[in-house]
C-alpha atoms as a PDB file:
ATOM      1  CA  MET A   1     122.456 101.402  87.660  1.00  0.00           C
ATOM      2  CA  SER A   2     121.754  97.653  87.557  1.00  0.00           C
ATOM      3  CA  ASP A   3     118.373  95.994  88.045  1.00  0.00           C
ATOM      4  CA  PRO A   4     117.677  94.438  91.459  1.00  0.00           C
ATOM      5  CA  ILE A   5     118.686  90.835  92.061  1.00  0.00           C
ATOM      6  CA  PHE A   6     116.168  88.552  93.753  1.00  0.00           C
ATOM      7  CA  PHE A   7     117.722  85.477  95.366  1.00  0.00           C
ATOM      8  CA  LYS A   8     116.022  82.103  95.738  1.00  0.00           C
ATOM      9  CA  SER A   9     117.449  81.384  99.184  1.00  0.00           C
ATOM     10  CA  LYS A  10     119.679  82.718 101.959  1.00  0.00           C
ATOM     11  CA  THR A  11     122.390  80.337 100.762  1.00  0.00           C
ATOM     12  CA  GLU A  12     122.321  81.875  97.292  1.00  0.00           C
ATOM     13  CA  LEU A  13     122.447  85.343  98.875  1.00  0.00           C
ATOM     14  CA  LYS A  14     125.517  84.394 100.958  1.00  0.00           C
ATOM     15  CA  LYS A  15     127.283  82.941  97.917  1.00  0.00           C
ATOM     16  CA  TRP A  16     126.671  86.136  95.959  1.00  0.00           C
ATOM     17  CA  PHE A  17     128.221  88.318  98.688  1.00  0.00           C
ATOM     18  CA  ALA A  18     131.182  85.967  99.070  1.00  0.00           C
ATOM     19  CA  LYS A  19     131.839  86.078  95.329  1.00  0.00           C
ATOM     20  CA  ASN A  20     131.146  89.741  94.558  1.00  0.00           C
ATOM     21  CA  HIS A  21     131.820  91.863  97.656  1.00  0.00           C
ATOM     22  CA  LYS A  22     135.242  92.905  96.294  1.00  0.00           C
ATOM     23  CA  LYS A  23     134.479  92.793  92.571  1.00  0.00           C
ATOM     24  CA  ILE A  24     131.772  95.462  92.396  1.00  0.00           C
ATOM     25  CA  ASN A  25     131.031  98.600  94.379  1.00  0.00           C
ATOM     26  CA  GLU A  26     127.229  98.550  94.622  1.00  0.00           C
ATOM     27  CA  GLN A  27     124.145  96.498  93.822  1.00  0.00           C
ATOM     28  CA  TRP A  28     120.347  96.744  94.132  1.00  0.00           C
ATOM     29  CA  ILE A  29     118.984  93.724  96.012  1.00  0.00           C
ATOM     30  CA  GLY A  30     115.298  92.853  95.733  1.00  0.00           C
ATOM     31  CA  ILE A  31     113.317  91.795  98.805  1.00  0.00           C
ATOM     32  CA  TYR A  32     109.814  90.362  98.985  1.00  0.00           C
ATOM     33  CA  LYS A  33     107.609  91.813 101.682  1.00  0.00           C
ATOM     34  CA  LYS A  34     106.804  89.824 104.802  1.00  0.00           C
ATOM     35  CA  LYS A  35     103.833  87.433 104.952  1.00  0.00           C
ATOM     36  CA  LEU A  36     104.248  86.456 101.300  1.00  0.00           C
ATOM     37  CA  SER A  37     104.905  82.846 100.354  1.00  0.00           C
ATOM     38  CA  THR A  38     107.810  83.996  98.177  1.00  0.00           C
ATOM     39  CA  THR A  39     109.707  85.502 101.131  1.00  0.00           C
ATOM     40  CA  VAL A  40     112.898  83.469 101.691  1.00  0.00           C
ATOM     41  CA  TYR A  41     115.070  86.142 103.313  1.00  0.00           C
ATOM     42  CA  SER A  42     114.380  89.428 105.055  1.00  0.00           C
ATOM     43  CA  SER A  43     115.842  92.913 104.973  1.00  0.00           C
ATOM     44  CA  ALA A  44     117.608  92.130 108.265  1.00  0.00           C
ATOM     45  CA  ASP A  45     119.276  89.074 106.668  1.00  0.00           C
ATOM     46  CA  VAL A  46     120.702  91.212 103.858  1.00  0.00           C
ATOM     47  CA  HIS A  47     121.821  93.999 106.208  1.00  0.00           C
ATOM     48  CA  ASP A  48     123.665  91.508 108.420  1.00  0.00           C
ATOM     49  CA  LEU A  49     125.474  90.006 105.434  1.00  0.00           C
ATOM     50  CA  ALA A  50     126.348  93.511 104.273  1.00  0.00           C
ATOM     51  CA  PHE A  51     127.925  94.240 107.681  1.00  0.00           C
ATOM     52  CA  CYS A  52     129.910  91.020 107.508  1.00  0.00           C
ATOM     53  CA  TYR A  53     131.375  91.831 104.093  1.00  0.00           C
ATOM     54  CA  GLY A  54     131.950  95.560 104.637  1.00  0.00           C
ATOM     55  CA  TRP A  55     128.898  96.837 102.748  1.00  0.00           C
ATOM     56  CA  THR A  56     126.117  99.170 103.851  1.00  0.00           C
ATOM     57  CA  SER A  57     122.634 100.161 102.663  1.00  0.00           C
ATOM     58  CA  ILE A  58     122.157 103.497 100.879  1.00  0.00           C
ATOM     59  CA  ILE A  59     118.633 103.788  99.422  1.00  0.00           C
ATOM     60  CA  VAL A  60     115.330 101.933  99.803  1.00  0.00           C
ATOM     61  CA  LYS A  61     112.758 102.068  96.978  1.00  0.00           C
ATOM     62  CA  SER A  62     109.406 100.389  96.400  1.00  0.00           C
ATOM     63  CA  ILE A  63     108.982  98.153  93.341  1.00  0.00           C
ATOM     64  CA  ASP A  64     105.333  97.152  93.737  1.00  0.00           C
ATOM     65  CA  TYR A  65     102.932  95.924  96.417  1.00  0.00           C
ATOM     66  CA  PHE A  66     104.839  92.665  96.743  1.00  0.00           C
ATOM     67  CA  SER A  67     108.447  93.799  96.833  1.00  0.00           C
ATOM     68  CA  TYR A  68     111.000  96.576  97.257  1.00  0.00           C
ATOM     69  CA  LYS A  69     114.693  97.043  96.614  1.00  0.00           C
ATOM     70  CA  ILE A  70     117.651  98.308  98.631  1.00  0.00           C
ATOM     71  CA  LEU A  71     120.852  99.708  97.174  1.00  0.00           C
ATOM     72  CA  PHE A  72     123.875  98.286  98.995  1.00  0.00           C
ATOM     73  CA  ARG A  73     127.355  99.751  98.535  1.00  0.00           C
ATOM     74  CA  ARG A  74     130.849  98.730  99.583  1.00  0.00           C
ATOM     75  CA  ARG A  75     132.124 100.910 102.409  1.00  0.00           C
ATOM     76  CA  LYS A  76     135.045 103.212 101.704  1.00  0.00           C
ATOM     77  CA  GLU A  77     137.860 104.120 104.020  1.00  0.00           C
ATOM     78  CA  ASN A  78     136.933 106.760 106.629  1.00  0.00           C
ATOM     79  CA  SER A  79     133.204 106.101 106.329  1.00  0.00           C
ATOM     80  CA  SER A  80     131.008 107.131 109.251  1.00  0.00           C
ATOM     81  CA  TRP A  81     129.330 104.581 111.530  1.00  0.00           C
ATOM     82  CA  SER A  82     126.405 105.180 113.856  1.00  0.00           C
ATOM     83  CA  LEU A  83     126.335 103.750 117.379  1.00  0.00           C
ATOM     84  CA  LYS A  84     123.526 101.431 116.297  1.00  0.00           C
ATOM     85  CA  THR A  85     125.644 100.095 113.422  1.00  0.00           C
ATOM     86  CA  ILE A  86     128.662  99.569 115.681  1.00  0.00           C
ATOM     87  CA  LYS A  87     126.506  97.706 118.199  1.00  0.00           C
ATOM     88  CA  ARG A  88     125.204  95.318 115.536  1.00  0.00           C
ATOM     89  CA  PHE A  89     128.729  94.838 114.139  1.00  0.00           C
ATOM     90  CA  ASN A  90     129.968  93.763 117.579  1.00  0.00           C
ATOM     91  CA  GLU A  91     127.043  91.358 117.958  1.00  0.00           C
ATOM     92  CA  LEU A  92     127.871  89.729 114.628  1.00  0.00           C
ATOM     93  CA  LYS A  93     131.543  89.584 115.551  1.00  0.00           C
ATOM     94  CA  LYS A  94     130.720  87.676 118.741  1.00  0.00           C
ATOM     95  CA  MET A  95     128.905  85.163 116.532  1.00  0.00           C
ATOM     96  CA  LYS A  96     132.125  84.928 114.438  1.00  0.00           C
ATOM     97  CA  LEU A  97     130.318  86.024 111.261  1.00  0.00           C
ATOM     98  CA  ILE A  98     132.431  89.054 110.340  1.00  0.00           C
ATOM     99  CA  LYS A  99     134.608  88.552 107.244  1.00  0.00           C
ATOM    100  CA  PRO A 100     138.045  90.184 106.660  1.00  0.00           C
ATOM    101  CA  GLN A 101     136.584  92.960 104.471  1.00  0.00           C
ATOM    102  CA  GLY A 102     133.981  93.713 107.110  1.00  0.00           C
ATOM    103  CA  GLN A 103     136.664  93.986 109.786  1.00  0.00           C
ATOM    104  CA  TRP A 104     138.740  96.230 107.495  1.00  0.00           C
ATOM    105  CA  ALA A 105     135.788  98.591 107.011  1.00  0.00           C
ATOM    106  CA  PHE A 106     135.272  98.771 110.763  1.00  0.00           C
ATOM    107  CA  ASP A 107     138.958  99.334 111.559  1.00  0.00           C
ATOM    108  CA  HIS A 108     139.226 102.100 108.935  1.00  0.00           C
ATOM    109  CA  ARG A 109     136.053 103.997 109.898  1.00  0.00           C
ATOM    110  CA  ASP A 110     136.244 107.692 110.736  1.00  0.00           C
ATOM    111  CA  GLN A 111     135.783 107.663 114.499  1.00  0.00           C
ATOM    112  CA  SER A 112     135.478 111.463 114.604  1.00  0.00           C
ATOM    113  CA  LYS A 113     132.218 111.181 112.618  1.00  0.00           C
ATOM    114  CA  THR A 114     130.737 108.492 114.840  1.00  0.00           C
ATOM    115  CA  GLU A 115     127.859 109.681 116.983  1.00  0.00           C
ATOM    116  CA  LYS A 116     129.371 109.819 120.459  1.00  0.00           C
ATOM    117  CA  GLN A 117     126.285 110.650 122.496  1.00  0.00           C
ATOM    118  CA  LYS A 118     122.590 111.288 122.173  1.00  0.00           C
ATOM    119  CA  ASN A 119     121.483 114.832 121.588  1.00  0.00           C
ATOM    120  CA  GLU A 120     120.262 116.140 124.915  1.00  0.00           C
ATOM    121  CA  LEU A 121     119.347 119.515 126.295  1.00  0.00           C
ATOM    122  CA  SER A 122     121.848 120.990 128.729  1.00  0.00           C
ATOM    123  CA  LYS A 123     120.935 120.822 132.411  1.00  0.00           C
ATOM    124  CA  THR A 124     120.305 124.573 132.403  1.00  0.00           C
ATOM    125  CA  HIS A 125     117.877 124.372 129.482  1.00  0.00           C
ATOM    126  CA  LEU A 126     116.222 121.223 130.793  1.00  0.00           C
ATOM    127  CA  ASN A 127     115.599 122.786 134.210  1.00  0.00           C
ATOM    128  CA  LYS A 128     114.252 125.946 132.593  1.00  0.00           C
ATOM    129  CA  PHE A 129     111.945 123.827 130.421  1.00  0.00           C
ATOM    130  CA  LYS A 130     110.643 121.818 133.400  1.00  0.00           C
ATOM    131  CA  LYS A 131     110.029 124.934 135.488  1.00  0.00           C
ATOM    132  CA  ASN A 132     107.623 126.131 132.810  1.00  0.00           C
ATOM    133  CA  LYS A 133     105.032 123.467 133.657  1.00  0.00           C
ATOM    134  CA  LEU A 134     102.648 124.472 130.864  1.00  0.00           C
ATOM    135  CA  ALA A 135     105.349 124.175 128.193  1.00  0.00           C
ATOM    136  CA  TRP A 136     106.884 120.997 129.632  1.00  0.00           C
ATOM    137  CA  SER A 137     103.514 119.262 129.954  1.00  0.00           C
ATOM    138  CA  PHE A 138     102.691 120.002 126.300  1.00  0.00           C
ATOM    139  CA  PHE A 139     106.122 118.854 125.108  1.00  0.00           C
ATOM    140  CA  GLN A 140     105.892 115.579 127.053  1.00  0.00           C
ATOM    141  CA  LYS A 141     102.585 114.762 125.340  1.00  0.00           C
ATOM    142  CA  GLN A 142     104.148 114.939 121.873  1.00  0.00           C
ATOM    143  CA  THR A 143     105.434 111.905 119.955  1.00  0.00           C
ATOM    144  CA  ALA A 144     108.928 110.578 120.615  1.00  0.00           C
ATOM    145  CA  SER A 145     109.955 111.454 117.053  1.00  0.00           C
ATOM    146  CA  TYR A 146     108.861 115.086 117.506  1.00  0.00           C
ATOM    147  CA  GLN A 147     110.732 115.380 120.804  1.00  0.00           C
ATOM    148  CA  LYS A 148     113.853 113.841 119.289  1.00  0.00           C
ATOM    149  CA  TYR A 149     113.727 116.094 116.225  1.00  0.00           C
ATOM    150  CA  THR A 150     113.216 119.336 118.149  1.00  0.00           C
ATOM    151  CA  ILE A 151     115.930 118.577 120.709  1.00  0.00           C
ATOM    152  CA  GLN A 152     118.336 117.662 117.910  1.00  0.00           C
ATOM    153  CA  TRP A 153     117.390 120.882 116.095  1.00  0.00           C
ATOM    154  CA  VAL A 154     118.186 122.925 119.214  1.00  0.00           C
ATOM    155  CA  THR A 155     121.437 121.174 120.162  1.00  0.00           C
ATOM    156  CA  SER A 156     122.833 121.043 116.609  1.00  0.00           C
ATOM    157  CA  ALA A 157     123.280 124.838 116.554  1.00  0.00           C
ATOM    158  CA  LYS A 158     126.958 125.712 116.141  1.00  0.00           C
ATOM    159  CA  GLN A 159     126.795 129.137 117.779  1.00  0.00           C
ATOM    160  CA  THR A 160     125.617 129.774 121.326  1.00  0.00           C
ATOM    161  CA  SER A 161     123.392 132.644 120.204  1.00  0.00           C
ATOM    162  CA  THR A 162     121.657 130.392 117.649  1.00  0.00           C
ATOM    163  CA  LEU A 163     121.209 127.651 120.248  1.00  0.00           C
ATOM    164  CA  GLU A 164     119.601 130.089 122.700  1.00  0.00           C
ATOM    165  CA  LYS A 165     117.314 131.452 119.983  1.00  0.00           C
ATOM    166  CA  ARG A 166     116.170 127.961 118.986  1.00  0.00           C
ATOM    167  CA  PHE A 167     115.556 126.914 122.574  1.00  0.00           C
ATOM    168  CA  GLY A 168     113.553 130.101 123.097  1.00  0.00           C
ATOM    169  CA  GLU A 169     111.360 129.207 120.080  1.00  0.00           C
ATOM    170  CA  LEU A 170     110.750 125.699 121.384  1.00  0.00           C
ATOM    171  CA  LEU A 171     109.904 126.961 124.873  1.00  0.00           C
ATOM    172  CA  THR A 172     107.566 129.737 123.662  1.00  0.00           C
ATOM    173  CA  ASP A 173     105.700 127.557 121.166  1.00  0.00           C
ATOM    174  CA  SER A 174     105.302 124.761 123.727  1.00  0.00           C
ATOM    175  CA  GLU A 175     103.975 127.256 126.279  1.00  0.00           C
ATOM    176  CA  ASN A 176     101.447 128.405 123.671  1.00  0.00           C
ATOM    177  CA  GLN A 177     100.359 124.755 123.316  1.00  0.00           C
ATOM    178  CA  THR A 178     101.537 124.373 119.737  1.00  0.00           C
ATOM    179  CA  LYS A 179     104.296 122.512 117.936  1.00  0.00           C
ATOM    180  CA  LEU A 180     107.203 124.509 116.588  1.00  0.00           C
ATOM    181  CA  LEU A 181     105.611 127.080 114.300  1.00  0.00           C
ATOM    182  CA  ARG A 182     108.439 126.721 111.796  1.00  0.00           C
ATOM    183  CA  ILE A 183     107.536 123.014 111.440  1.00  0.00           C
ATOM    184  CA  LEU A 184     103.839 123.770 110.998  1.00  0.00           C
ATOM    185  CA  LYS A 185     104.624 126.409 108.355  1.00  0.00           C
ATOM    186  CA  SER A 186     106.807 123.917 106.490  1.00  0.00           C
ATOM    187  CA  GLN A 187     104.071 121.256 106.617  1.00  0.00           C
ATOM    188  CA  ASN A 188     101.476 123.724 105.361  1.00  0.00           C
ATOM    189  CA  LYS A 189     103.705 124.621 102.410  1.00  0.00           C
ATOM    190  CA  ILE A 190     103.955 120.940 101.477  1.00  0.00           C
ATOM    191  CA  ILE A 191     100.180 120.504 101.748  1.00  0.00           C
ATOM    192  CA  GLU A 192      99.553 123.590  99.619  1.00  0.00           C
ATOM    193  CA  SER A 193     102.063 122.451  97.010  1.00  0.00           C
ATOM    194  CA  LYS A 194     100.171 119.157  96.658  1.00  0.00           C
ATOM    195  CA  LYS A 195      96.794 120.839  96.231  1.00  0.00           C
ATOM    196  CA  ASN A 196      95.636 121.129  92.648  1.00  0.00           C
ATOM    197  CA  LYS A 197      98.822 119.369  91.562  1.00  0.00           C
ATOM    198  CA  TYR A 198      96.933 117.646  88.779  1.00  0.00           C
ATOM    199  CA  PRO A 199      94.011 118.911  86.655  1.00  0.00           C
ATOM    200  CA  ALA A 200      90.611 117.423  87.467  1.00  0.00           C
ATOM    201  CA  GLY A 201      90.331 113.862  86.189  1.00  0.00           C
ATOM    202  CA  GLU A 202      94.051 113.536  85.430  1.00  0.00           C
ATOM    203  CA  THR A 203      95.518 112.233  88.683  1.00  0.00           C
ATOM    204  CA  PRO A 204      98.126 109.560  87.703  1.00  0.00           C
ATOM    205  CA  ILE A 205      97.290 105.998  88.668  1.00  0.00           C
ATOM    206  CA  GLU A 206     100.510 105.814  90.717  1.00  0.00           C
ATOM    207  CA  GLU A 207      99.029 108.344  93.153  1.00  0.00           C
ATOM    208  CA  ALA A 208      96.408 105.793  94.221  1.00  0.00           C
ATOM    209  CA  LYS A 209      96.914 103.956  97.487  1.00  0.00           C
ATOM    210  CA  ASN A 210      98.727 100.599  97.197  1.00  0.00           C
ATOM    211  CA  ILE A 211      99.677 101.108  93.534  1.00  0.00           C
ATOM    212  CA  GLY A 212     103.421 100.667  92.972  1.00  0.00           C
ATOM    213  CA  ILE A 213     105.605 101.331  89.939  1.00  0.00           C
ATOM    214  CA  ILE A 214     105.127  97.971  88.218  1.00  0.00           C
ATOM    215  CA  THR A 215     101.449  97.782  89.122  1.00  0.00           C
ATOM    216  CA  GLY A 216     100.925 101.289  87.742  1.00  0.00           C
ATOM    217  CA  SER A 217     102.689 100.480  84.468  1.00  0.00           C
ATOM    218  CA  GLU A 218     100.583  97.331  84.016  1.00  0.00           C
ATOM    219  CA  LEU A 219      97.334  99.218  84.573  1.00  0.00           C
ATOM    220  CA  ARG A 220      98.471 101.919  82.144  1.00  0.00           C
ATOM    221  CA  THR A 221      98.870  99.329  79.392  1.00  0.00           C
ATOM    222  CA  LEU A 222      95.168  98.544  79.912  1.00  0.00           C
ATOM    223  CA  GLY A 223      94.158 102.189  79.549  1.00  0.00           C
ATOM    224  CA  ILE A 224      93.680 102.709  83.279  1.00  0.00           C
ATOM    225  CA  ASP A 225      96.136 105.573  83.633  1.00  0.00           C
ATOM    226  CA  THR A 226      94.388 107.781  86.215  1.00  0.00           C
ATOM    227  CA  ILE A 227      92.815 107.263  89.621  1.00  0.00           C
ATOM    228  CA  GLU A 228      89.575 108.685  88.291  1.00  0.00           C
ATOM    229  CA  LYS A 229      89.362 106.048  85.546  1.00  0.00           C
ATOM    230  CA  LEU A 230      90.038 103.306  88.068  1.00  0.00           C
ATOM    231  CA  LYS A 231      87.264 104.486  90.360  1.00  0.00           C
ATOM    232  CA  ILE A 232      84.769 104.940  87.519  1.00  0.00           C
ATOM    233  CA  LEU A 233      85.543 101.425  86.282  1.00  0.00           C
ATOM    234  CA  GLY A 234      85.231  99.946  89.778  1.00  0.00           C
ATOM    235  CA  TRP A 235      87.434  97.367  91.408  1.00  0.00           C
ATOM    236  CA  GLU A 236      85.741  94.280  89.895  1.00  0.00           C
ATOM    237  CA  LYS A 237      85.994  95.371  86.244  1.00  0.00           C
ATOM    238  CA  ALA A 238      89.485  96.789  86.760  1.00  0.00           C
ATOM    239  CA  PHE A 239      90.667  93.585  88.431  1.00  0.00           C
ATOM    240  CA  LEU A 240      89.057  91.390  85.740  1.00  0.00           C
ATOM    241  CA  LYS A 241      90.635  93.470  82.976  1.00  0.00           C
ATOM    242  CA  TRP A 242      93.979  93.225  84.737  1.00  0.00           C
ATOM    243  CA  VAL A 243      94.101  89.457  85.300  1.00  0.00           C
ATOM    244  CA  ASN A 244      92.880  88.752  81.764  1.00  0.00           C
ATOM    245  CA  HIS A 245      96.080  90.383  80.502  1.00  0.00           C
ATOM    246  CA  TYR A 246      98.273  89.291  83.403  1.00  0.00           C
ATOM    247  CA  PRO A 247      96.843  85.914  84.558  1.00  0.00           C
ATOM    248  CA  GLU A 248      99.783  85.364  86.906  1.00  0.00           C
ATOM    249  CA  ARG A 249      98.357  88.243  88.942  1.00  0.00           C
ATOM    250  CA  LEU A 250      95.279  86.249  89.948  1.00  0.00           C
ATOM    251  CA  HIS A 251      95.732  86.441  93.692  1.00  0.00           C
ATOM    252  CA  THR A 252      93.647  87.662  96.625  1.00  0.00           C
ATOM    253  CA  VAL A 253      96.317  90.186  97.608  1.00  0.00           C
ATOM    254  CA  VAL A 254      96.132  91.783  94.159  1.00  0.00           C
ATOM    255  CA  GLY A 255      92.371  91.977  94.534  1.00  0.00           C
ATOM    256  CA  TYR A 256      92.827  93.752  97.872  1.00  0.00           C
ATOM    257  CA  VAL A 257      95.248  96.185  96.224  1.00  0.00           C
ATOM    258  CA  VAL A 258      92.732  97.198  93.547  1.00  0.00           C
ATOM    259  CA  MET A 259      89.821  97.414  95.973  1.00  0.00           C
ATOM    260  CA  GLY A 260      91.911  99.485  98.393  1.00  0.00           C
ATOM    261  CA  ALA A 261      92.927 101.842  95.575  1.00  0.00           C
ATOM    262  CA  VAL A 262      89.276 102.313  94.568  1.00  0.00           C
ATOM    263  CA  TYR A 263      88.120 102.901  98.131  1.00  0.00           C
ATOM    264  CA  ASP A 264      91.187 105.042  98.890  1.00  0.00           C
ATOM    265  CA  GLN A 265      92.424 103.061 101.874  1.00  0.00           C
ATOM    266  CA  PRO A 266      95.336 100.741 102.699  1.00  0.00           C
ATOM    267  CA  CYS A 267      94.465  97.230 101.511  1.00  0.00           C
ATOM    268  CA  PHE A 268      95.429  95.673 104.856  1.00  0.00           C
ATOM    269  CA  LYS A 269      92.803  97.836 106.570  1.00  0.00           C
ATOM    270  CA  LEU A 270      89.923  96.745 104.350  1.00  0.00           C
ATOM    271  CA  ASP A 271      86.841  95.541 106.205  1.00  0.00           C
ATOM    272  CA  PRO A 272      86.471  91.738 106.434  1.00  0.00           C
ATOM    273  CA  GLU A 273      83.265  91.991 104.358  1.00  0.00           C
ATOM    274  CA  LEU A 274      85.131  93.734 101.526  1.00  0.00           C
ATOM    275  CA  LYS A 275      87.897  91.152 101.668  1.00  0.00           C
ATOM    276  CA  ALA A 276      85.245  88.436 101.486  1.00  0.00           C
ATOM    277  CA  GLU A 277      83.971  90.079  98.288  1.00  0.00           C
ATOM    278  CA  VAL A 278      87.430  89.749  96.758  1.00  0.00           C
ATOM    279  CA  LYS A 279      87.739  86.100  97.759  1.00  0.00           C
ATOM    280  CA  ASN A 280      84.307  85.222  96.388  1.00  0.00           C
ATOM    281  CA  PHE A 281      85.003  87.102  93.172  1.00  0.00           C
ATOM    282  CA  ILE A 282      88.253  85.212  92.625  1.00  0.00           C
ATOM    283  CA  LYS A 283      86.571  81.905  93.463  1.00  0.00           C
ATOM    284  CA  ASP A 284      83.829  82.555  90.894  1.00  0.00           C
ATOM    285  CA  PHE A 285      86.333  83.753  88.312  1.00  0.00           C
ATOM    286  CA  LYS A 286      88.452  80.625  88.709  1.00  0.00           C
ATOM    287  CA  SER A 287      85.436  78.356  88.257  1.00  0.00           C
ATOM    288  CA  GLU A 288      84.492  80.169  85.030  1.00  0.00           C
ATOM    289  CA  PHE A 289      88.074  80.201  83.844  1.00  0.00           C
ATOM    290  CA  ARG A 290      88.320  76.426  84.175  1.00  0.00           C
END
């Protein structure tokens, strides 16, 4: 699979799609994260162009703290479209942006696979749920994603007996003031599987917060291959060692990344005082470097 392509402008991105949308079947496209000076186009820009030329996104993967990549692929005949995708397609069509290949992909979609309606409980089940005030009150307090998932889980049952059994589970667990027990059991298994995953002192550097694939490989070349080594070294020494080998990395954001990894917290949530430490450190380092 090819390496991601990073474009210098939206114009260059448009030219690439116009030239290659029929020649190749798929391509990784690199995108810089928002709020970076290097950002010249967004994920939404690429998705819209993909719609116009009959392509769609397949996979999203992180590259490092600064960027990520999305695999886009040319749509085949009888592909499935969600209602959200169809809505955006129609919006772009009104703006006269849809290209012939994009229209072909839309016209040749498999309409039987298109989501026709939202998953909803039947009136009978909904009334039964609401009559059980204790269960309904608990369910209403849960997140929208949990409600959506559980309702979809119930309504996706192919047999009536299975549907009734699933609804009974949801009702009983909600009445007992707990989320679906099957979900909790699954979550606990994941948590247990992660415990003691690595021997003491051997947790890979990539497991640290904020550290991406490229960042991790760079730190490994410096001998900082575990989280434990990074924390023992401290953010200042680790950062200094890093930028001495990779001077192009001398940036406040990179400093935040290392400090966040050491303190085990997202770099954007660092206290202002800690961020000030990074800025002062970089300022002093630059003066010495000159």
